[in-house]
Protein backbone atom coordinates (compact mmCIF):
# COMPACT_ATOMS: atom_id res chain seq x y z
CA MET A 1 -240.42 103.41 92.78
CA ASN A 2 -239.73 105.04 89.43
CA ALA A 3 -242.76 107.07 88.21
CA ASP A 4 -241.99 106.51 84.54
CA ASN A 5 -241.79 102.75 85.11
CA ARG A 6 -245.40 101.87 85.92
CA TYR A 7 -245.65 99.48 82.98
CA ILE A 8 -248.66 98.96 80.76
CA GLU A 9 -251.24 98.29 83.50
CA LEU A 10 -251.31 101.84 84.95
CA PRO A 11 -253.29 103.14 81.96
CA ILE A 12 -255.59 100.13 82.43
CA MET A 13 -256.10 101.14 86.10
CA LYS A 14 -256.91 104.70 85.02
CA LYS A 15 -259.40 103.36 82.46
CA LEU A 16 -260.96 101.12 85.12
CA LEU A 17 -261.36 104.09 87.48
CA LEU A 18 -262.81 106.23 84.68
CA ALA A 19 -265.26 103.46 83.72
CA ALA A 20 -266.36 103.12 87.35
CA ILE A 21 -266.91 106.88 87.66
CA VAL A 22 -268.86 107.03 84.37
CA ALA A 23 -271.02 104.06 85.37
CA LEU A 24 -271.70 105.55 88.80
CA SER A 25 -272.49 108.95 87.28
CA SER A 26 -274.85 107.37 84.75
CA ALA A 27 -276.58 105.45 87.50
CA LEU A 28 -276.95 108.65 89.55
CA GLY A 29 -278.61 110.27 86.55
CA ALA A 30 -281.04 107.34 86.39
CA ARG A 31 -283.82 106.77 88.90
CA ALA A 32 -281.53 105.82 91.77
CA GLN A 33 -283.43 104.97 94.92
CA MET A 34 -280.62 104.45 97.41
CA LEU A 35 -277.01 105.42 97.85
CA ALA A 36 -274.88 103.98 100.64
CA ALA A 37 -271.37 104.75 101.86
CA ASN A 38 -269.36 101.94 103.46
CA VAL A 39 -266.08 101.00 105.10
CA ASP A 40 -264.65 97.51 105.46
CA GLY A 41 -263.91 96.60 109.06
CA LEU A 42 -261.34 93.91 108.21
CA TRP A 43 -259.26 96.42 106.23
CA LEU A 44 -259.59 98.92 109.08
CA ALA A 45 -258.33 96.23 111.49
CA THR A 46 -255.09 96.16 109.47
CA LEU A 47 -254.90 99.98 109.67
CA THR A 48 -255.76 100.28 105.96
CA PRO A 49 -257.98 103.28 105.14
CA ASN A 50 -260.79 102.35 102.76
CA ILE A 51 -264.12 103.69 101.57
CA GLY A 52 -266.82 102.63 99.20
CA ALA A 53 -270.13 103.70 97.71
CA GLU A 54 -272.99 101.52 96.52
CA LEU A 55 -275.87 102.72 94.39
CA VAL A 56 -279.16 100.97 93.65
CA ILE A 57 -279.52 100.70 89.87
CA GLY A 58 -282.45 98.26 89.61
CA GLU A 59 -285.04 96.29 91.55
CA ARG A 60 -282.50 93.61 92.46
CA SER A 61 -279.14 95.20 91.67
CA THR A 62 -276.55 97.70 92.80
CA PHE A 63 -273.30 99.11 91.45
CA GLY A 64 -270.51 99.97 93.85
CA VAL A 65 -266.94 101.18 93.92
CA HIS A 66 -264.55 100.43 96.78
CA GLY A 67 -261.08 101.89 97.17
CA LEU A 68 -258.24 101.44 99.63
CA PHE A 69 -254.83 102.85 100.33
CA ALA A 70 -252.24 101.41 102.68
CA THR A 71 -248.75 102.38 103.69
CA LYS A 72 -247.16 100.17 106.31
CA PRO A 73 -250.30 98.40 107.62
CA LEU A 74 -249.51 96.74 110.95
CA GLY A 75 -245.94 97.97 110.56
CA LYS A 76 -245.26 95.82 107.48
CA ASP A 77 -243.29 97.23 104.55
CA VAL A 78 -246.29 97.43 102.21
CA LYS A 79 -247.70 100.19 100.03
CA ILE A 80 -250.87 99.45 98.05
CA TYR A 81 -253.53 101.42 96.21
CA ALA A 82 -256.56 99.54 94.87
CA ILE A 83 -259.97 100.21 93.36
CA GLN A 84 -262.75 97.66 92.93
CA PRO A 85 -265.91 98.42 90.94
CA GLU A 86 -268.62 95.76 91.37
CA TYR A 87 -272.13 94.90 90.14
CA ARG A 88 -274.28 92.98 92.64
CA TYR A 89 -277.45 90.97 92.10
CA PHE A 90 -279.66 90.35 95.17
CA PHE A 91 -281.72 87.15 95.26
CA SER A 92 -284.19 88.51 97.84
CA GLY A 93 -285.84 90.79 95.26
CA ARG A 94 -284.67 93.84 97.19
CA PRO A 95 -281.28 95.55 96.76
CA MET A 96 -278.91 95.84 99.74
CA PHE A 97 -280.80 93.04 101.51
CA ARG A 98 -279.78 89.42 102.19
CA GLU A 99 -277.99 87.09 99.71
CA PHE A 100 -276.16 88.40 96.67
CA ILE A 101 -273.65 87.51 93.99
CA GLY A 102 -271.34 90.12 92.54
CA VAL A 103 -269.16 90.49 89.46
CA GLY A 104 -266.31 92.90 89.84
CA ALA A 105 -262.94 94.09 88.67
CA ILE A 106 -259.84 95.14 90.54
CA GLY A 107 -256.93 97.40 89.72
CA ALA A 108 -254.01 97.75 92.12
CA SER A 109 -250.57 99.27 92.38
CA TYR A 110 -248.25 97.85 95.04
CA ASP A 111 -244.76 97.96 96.49
CA ILE A 112 -244.29 95.12 98.99
CA THR A 113 -241.21 93.86 100.81
CA TRP A 114 -241.81 90.33 102.08
CA ALA A 115 -239.39 87.63 103.26
CA GLY A 116 -236.35 89.43 101.87
CA LYS A 117 -237.86 90.15 98.44
CA VAL A 118 -239.37 93.27 96.88
CA TYR A 119 -242.45 93.12 94.65
CA ASP A 120 -243.14 96.45 92.93
CA GLY A 121 -245.82 96.53 90.25
CA THR A 122 -249.45 96.47 89.24
CA ALA A 123 -252.29 93.99 89.05
CA VAL A 124 -255.66 93.88 87.30
CA GLY A 125 -258.34 91.23 87.48
CA LEU A 126 -261.93 90.05 87.38
CA GLY A 127 -263.78 88.09 90.02
CA LEU A 128 -266.97 86.87 91.68
CA THR A 129 -268.17 87.87 95.13
CA PHE A 130 -270.73 86.11 97.29
CA GLY A 131 -272.27 87.67 100.36
CA TYR A 132 -275.06 88.51 102.71
CA VAL A 133 -276.31 91.95 103.78
CA LEU A 134 -277.86 92.11 107.23
CA PRO A 135 -279.94 95.21 108.05
CA ILE A 136 -279.19 96.46 111.59
CA LYS A 137 -281.21 99.70 111.64
CA LYS A 138 -283.17 101.67 109.06
CA ARG A 139 -280.02 103.18 107.54
CA ILE A 140 -277.28 100.80 108.75
CA ASN A 141 -276.34 97.43 107.20
CA ILE A 142 -273.60 94.91 107.86
CA ASP A 143 -272.26 93.37 104.65
CA PHE A 144 -270.47 89.99 104.85
CA HIS A 145 -268.67 89.13 101.60
CA ALA A 146 -266.02 86.85 100.14
CA GLY A 147 -264.80 86.60 96.58
CA PHE A 148 -262.11 85.25 94.31
CA GLY A 149 -260.90 86.03 90.85
CA ILE A 150 -258.21 85.74 88.25
CA ILE A 151 -255.52 88.38 88.72
CA ARG A 152 -252.87 89.36 86.18
CA TYR A 153 -249.78 90.85 87.76
CA LYS A 154 -246.68 92.49 86.34
CA HIS A 155 -243.92 93.65 88.66
CA LYS A 156 -240.27 94.12 89.42
CA GLU A 157 -239.19 91.28 91.72
CA TYR A 158 -235.78 91.33 93.37
CA PHE A 159 -233.98 90.67 96.63
CA VAL A 160 -233.71 93.48 99.18
CA GLY A 161 -229.93 93.91 98.75
CA ASP A 162 -230.06 94.04 94.95
CA GLN A 163 -229.47 97.27 93.06
CA TYR A 164 -232.49 97.06 90.76
CA ASP A 165 -231.56 100.26 88.96
CA VAL A 166 -228.23 98.67 87.96
CA ASP A 167 -228.75 94.90 88.05
CA TYR A 168 -232.08 94.68 86.20
CA ILE A 169 -231.67 96.84 83.13
CA PHE A 170 -232.98 95.24 79.93
CA ASP A 171 -232.12 96.85 76.59
CA GLY A 172 -231.16 100.07 78.37
CA GLU A 173 -234.34 100.43 80.47
CA GLN A 174 -235.93 99.08 83.63
CA ARG A 175 -238.75 96.67 83.06
CA ALA A 176 -240.85 94.19 84.95
CA ASN A 177 -239.08 90.89 85.35
CA ALA A 178 -242.07 88.90 86.63
CA SER A 179 -245.60 88.55 85.33
CA GLY A 180 -248.36 86.00 85.29
CA TYR A 181 -251.80 85.04 86.55
CA TYR A 182 -253.09 83.87 89.92
CA LEU A 183 -256.45 82.74 91.24
CA LEU A 184 -256.66 84.81 94.44
CA PRO A 185 -259.17 86.20 96.93
CA THR A 186 -260.36 89.57 95.64
CA ARG A 187 -262.88 90.61 98.31
CA ILE A 188 -263.06 89.22 101.81
CA GLY A 189 -264.55 91.42 104.47
CA VAL A 190 -267.22 92.72 106.74
CA SER A 191 -268.42 96.18 105.79
CA VAL A 192 -270.59 98.64 107.64
CA SER A 193 -272.86 100.58 105.27
CA TYR A 194 -274.77 103.76 105.95
CA ILE A 195 -277.64 104.51 103.56
CA LEU A 196 -277.40 108.18 102.68
CA TRP A 197 -280.71 108.29 100.78
């Protein structure tokens, strides 16, 4: 992976991360009532480290950020970094309790070898998440969620035996040779949350 060839989306990912940090910091400065840390069990089952934080920002709403990093999950030739900020609205009238709908974004960088092809690039997107939070103990919740969204990708796509550095030069420089949009799952999982305060 060539560090100077991260296309246009990398600055977008940095802006998305910065916006998530600013929003979370602003919410912390507000009258936040609860902050929870969480991990997604389905990602852990694929040996993908992940962590998230969710902050109450209103009577029925929370703002959270979830990140993951994977290199060779389940022995597959995959490297992925992703961050997902998300706003959630809870229908029960109480945040981090029962049914919710979420609106979120995703930014990801990936390098995947699959079925003899290499996909090396970035993706950004927006999506909706639906879910249910089940309280287990005073400070522990189980969060069931599923979501989908529109994802814009831009990557280098080539066969494993190709010499990308030689075969895919356009106007004297390497560039993405595949881009487009997909409607894809953005969040599917079962998270365990621990309410810190």
